[in-house]
Amino acid sequence: MAADIIASESGLLKVSGDLNFSTILPLRRKGEQLIAQGPDVIEVDFSGVHASGSAAVSLMMCWLRAACRSNKAIHFTAVPDLLERIIAVSGLAGHLSFERPHHCCE
C-alpha cells in the first residue's frame, strides 16, 4: 500500500497508508514542503496510518527538523501504539511531541 500526506484548509497534515522504507522518501519531501508552507503550529495526524515501523520514526525526525528550519512548532497526533513504543525505546520521546506543539528552540 502507498502512503500520502495531505493538508486540510486549517493546516492539519493528515498522513495515511503504510509507512515503510519504500514509501518514506516521497512522503518526506511532500511533508517538508507542506510544513514550510503551513501555519506557525503544525499538527500531523497519523490516524490514517495502517502500518509503521522504524522508518516512520526517521520520517518524524525529518519533519521535526523541517519545522525547526521554518521556525515552526510541530506535534504528532493519533500516533500508532507500535510507533510510540519504538520512539520510547529509541529515547526520542523527548524530541517528538504528542501532547502539545514542540518548538525545537525551546
C-alpha atoms as a PDB file:
ATOM      1  CA  MET A   1       0.000   0.000   0.000  1.00  0.00           C
ATOM      2  CA  ALA A   2       1.143   3.543  -0.690  1.00  0.00           C
ATOM      3  CA  ALA A   3       1.374   6.405   1.762  1.00  0.00           C
ATOM      4  CA  ASP A   4       0.258  10.001   1.433  1.00  0.00           C
ATOM      5  CA  ILE A   5       0.072  13.277   3.309  1.00  0.00           C
ATOM      6  CA  ILE A   6      -2.491  15.970   2.643  1.00  0.00           C
ATOM      7  CA  ALA A   7      -3.074  19.376   4.192  1.00  0.00           C
ATOM      8  CA  SER A   8      -6.518  20.479   5.277  1.00  0.00           C
ATOM      9  CA  GLU A   9      -7.658  24.084   4.978  1.00  0.00           C
ATOM     10  CA  SER A  10      -6.813  24.601   8.648  1.00  0.00           C
ATOM     11  CA  GLY A  11      -3.234  23.416   8.079  1.00  0.00           C
ATOM     12  CA  LEU A  12      -3.651  19.998   9.672  1.00  0.00           C
ATOM     13  CA  LEU A  13      -1.449  17.433   7.924  1.00  0.00           C
ATOM     14  CA  LYS A  14      -3.093  14.005   7.615  1.00  0.00           C
ATOM     15  CA  VAL A  15      -0.828  11.022   6.991  1.00  0.00           C
ATOM     16  CA  SER A  16      -2.288   7.810   5.593  1.00  0.00           C
ATOM     17  CA  GLY A  17      -1.198   4.392   4.359  1.00  0.00           C
ATOM     18  CA  ASP A  18       1.806   2.236   5.175  1.00  0.00           C
ATOM     19  CA  LEU A  19       4.957   3.945   6.397  1.00  0.00           C
ATOM     20  CA  ASN A  20       7.924   1.831   5.356  1.00  0.00           C
ATOM     21  CA  PHE A  21      11.274   2.262   3.653  1.00  0.00           C
ATOM     22  CA  SER A  22       9.728   2.219   0.175  1.00  0.00           C
ATOM     23  CA  THR A  23       7.124   4.928   0.917  1.00  0.00           C
ATOM     24  CA  ILE A  24       9.084   7.260   3.199  1.00  0.00           C
ATOM     25  CA  LEU A  25      11.202   9.321   0.785  1.00  0.00           C
ATOM     26  CA  PRO A  26       8.421  10.826  -1.376  1.00  0.00           C
ATOM     27  CA  LEU A  27       6.288  11.304   1.744  1.00  0.00           C
ATOM     28  CA  ARG A  28       9.179  13.062   3.492  1.00  0.00           C
ATOM     29  CA  ARG A  29       9.646  15.523   0.635  1.00  0.00           C
ATOM     30  CA  LYS A  30       5.954  16.311   0.334  1.00  0.00           C
ATOM     31  CA  GLY A  31       5.631  16.750   4.098  1.00  0.00           C
ATOM     32  CA  GLU A  32       8.621  19.094   4.227  1.00  0.00           C
ATOM     33  CA  GLN A  33       7.011  21.286   1.558  1.00  0.00           C
ATOM     34  CA  LEU A  34       3.681  21.334   3.410  1.00  0.00           C
ATOM     35  CA  ILE A  35       5.425  22.186   6.689  1.00  0.00           C
ATOM     36  CA  ALA A  36       7.305  25.075   5.074  1.00  0.00           C
ATOM     37  CA  GLN A  37       4.056  26.443   3.609  1.00  0.00           C
ATOM     38  CA  GLY A  38       1.911  25.774   6.679  1.00  0.00           C
ATOM     39  CA  PRO A  39       0.936  27.781   9.746  1.00  0.00           C
ATOM     40  CA  ASP A  40       3.256  28.528  12.689  1.00  0.00           C
ATOM     41  CA  VAL A  41       1.956  25.469  14.566  1.00  0.00           C
ATOM     42  CA  ILE A  42       1.857  22.227  12.614  1.00  0.00           C
ATOM     43  CA  GLU A  43      -0.256  19.253  13.667  1.00  0.00           C
ATOM     44  CA  VAL A  44       0.492  15.958  11.946  1.00  0.00           C
ATOM     45  CA  ASP A  45      -2.333  13.412  12.287  1.00  0.00           C
ATOM     46  CA  PHE A  46      -1.347   9.748  11.976  1.00  0.00           C
ATOM     47  CA  SER A  47      -4.888   8.325  12.355  1.00  0.00           C
ATOM     48  CA  GLY A  48      -4.882   7.107   8.734  1.00  0.00           C
ATOM     49  CA  VAL A  49      -1.663   5.115   9.111  1.00  0.00           C
ATOM     50  CA  HIS A  50      -2.161   1.358   8.741  1.00  0.00           C
ATOM     51  CA  ALA A  51       1.384   0.129   9.357  1.00  0.00           C
ATOM     52  CA  SER A  52       4.559   1.762  10.578  1.00  0.00           C
ATOM     53  CA  GLY A  53       7.977   0.976  11.963  1.00  0.00           C
ATOM     54  CA  SER A  54      11.395   2.477  12.421  1.00  0.00           C
ATOM     55  CA  ALA A  55      11.223   4.195   9.034  1.00  0.00           C
ATOM     56  CA  ALA A  56       8.302   6.238  10.374  1.00  0.00           C
ATOM     57  CA  VAL A  57      10.432   7.410  13.303  1.00  0.00           C
ATOM     58  CA  SER A  58      13.021   8.657  10.832  1.00  0.00           C
ATOM     59  CA  LEU A  59      10.274  10.424   8.904  1.00  0.00           C
ATOM     60  CA  MET A  60       9.011  12.145  12.038  1.00  0.00           C
ATOM     61  CA  MET A  61      12.527  13.325  12.923  1.00  0.00           C
ATOM     62  CA  CYS A  62      12.961  14.715   9.388  1.00  0.00           C
ATOM     63  CA  TRP A  63       9.696  16.619   9.729  1.00  0.00           C
ATOM     64  CA  LEU A  64      10.781  17.911  13.138  1.00  0.00           C
ATOM     65  CA  ARG A  65      13.979  19.270  11.552  1.00  0.00           C
ATOM     66  CA  ALA A  66      11.919  20.796   8.712  1.00  0.00           C
ATOM     67  CA  ALA A  67       9.719  22.559  11.264  1.00  0.00           C
ATOM     68  CA  CYS A  68      12.832  23.846  13.044  1.00  0.00           C
ATOM     69  CA  ARG A  69      14.272  25.192   9.799  1.00  0.00           C
ATOM     70  CA  SER A  70      10.989  27.042   9.221  1.00  0.00           C
ATOM     71  CA  ASN A  71      10.837  28.225  12.857  1.00  0.00           C
ATOM     72  CA  LYS A  72       7.554  26.399  13.453  1.00  0.00           C
ATOM     73  CA  ALA A  73       6.204  24.267  16.258  1.00  0.00           C
ATOM     74  CA  ILE A  74       5.085  20.724  15.445  1.00  0.00           C
ATOM     75  CA  HIS A  75       3.265  17.918  17.174  1.00  0.00           C
ATOM     76  CA  PHE A  76       2.058  14.491  16.183  1.00  0.00           C
ATOM     77  CA  THR A  77      -1.388  13.104  16.998  1.00  0.00           C
ATOM     78  CA  ALA A  78      -3.031   9.668  16.767  1.00  0.00           C
ATOM     79  CA  VAL A  79       0.393   8.010  16.612  1.00  0.00           C
ATOM     80  CA  PRO A  80       0.010   4.207  16.410  1.00  0.00           C
ATOM     81  CA  ASP A  81       0.922   2.315  19.593  1.00  0.00           C
ATOM     82  CA  LEU A  82       3.750   0.378  17.941  1.00  0.00           C
ATOM     83  CA  LEU A  83       5.296   3.595  16.692  1.00  0.00           C
ATOM     84  CA  GLU A  84       5.045   5.183  20.153  1.00  0.00           C
ATOM     85  CA  ARG A  85       6.839   2.142  21.635  1.00  0.00           C
ATOM     86  CA  ILE A  86       9.638   2.367  19.056  1.00  0.00           C
ATOM     87  CA  ILE A  87      10.047   6.074  19.839  1.00  0.00           C
ATOM     88  CA  ALA A  88      10.179   5.379  23.588  1.00  0.00           C
ATOM     89  CA  VAL A  89      12.741   2.570  23.229  1.00  0.00           C
ATOM     90  CA  SER A  90      14.834   4.764  20.929  1.00  0.00           C
ATOM     91  CA  GLY A  91      14.989   7.517  23.546  1.00  0.00           C
ATOM     92  CA  LEU A  92      13.312  10.022  21.233  1.00  0.00           C
ATOM     93  CA  ALA A  93      10.132  10.664  23.223  1.00  0.00           C
ATOM     94  CA  GLY A  94      11.521  13.980  24.462  1.00  0.00           C
ATOM     95  CA  HIS A  95      12.003  15.190  20.898  1.00  0.00           C
ATOM     96  CA  LEU A  96       8.726  14.080  19.312  1.00  0.00           C
ATOM     97  CA  SER A  97       5.751  15.769  20.922  1.00  0.00           C
ATOM     98  CA  PHE A  98       2.391  14.010  21.195  1.00  0.00           C
ATOM     99  CA  GLU A  99       0.737  16.199  23.830  1.00  0.00           C
ATOM    100  CA  ARG A 100       1.375  19.759  22.721  1.00  0.00           C
ATOM    101  CA  PRO A 101       3.251  21.545  19.965  1.00  0.00           C
ATOM    102  CA  HIS A 102       7.001  21.357  20.390  1.00  0.00           C
ATOM    103  CA  HIS A 103       9.279  24.088  19.146  1.00  0.00           C
ATOM    104  CA  CYS A 104      12.829  22.919  18.554  1.00  0.00           C
ATOM    105  CA  CYS A 105      14.198  26.125  20.040  1.00  0.00           C
ATOM    106  CA  GLU A 106      12.523  25.500  23.423  1.00  0.00           C
END
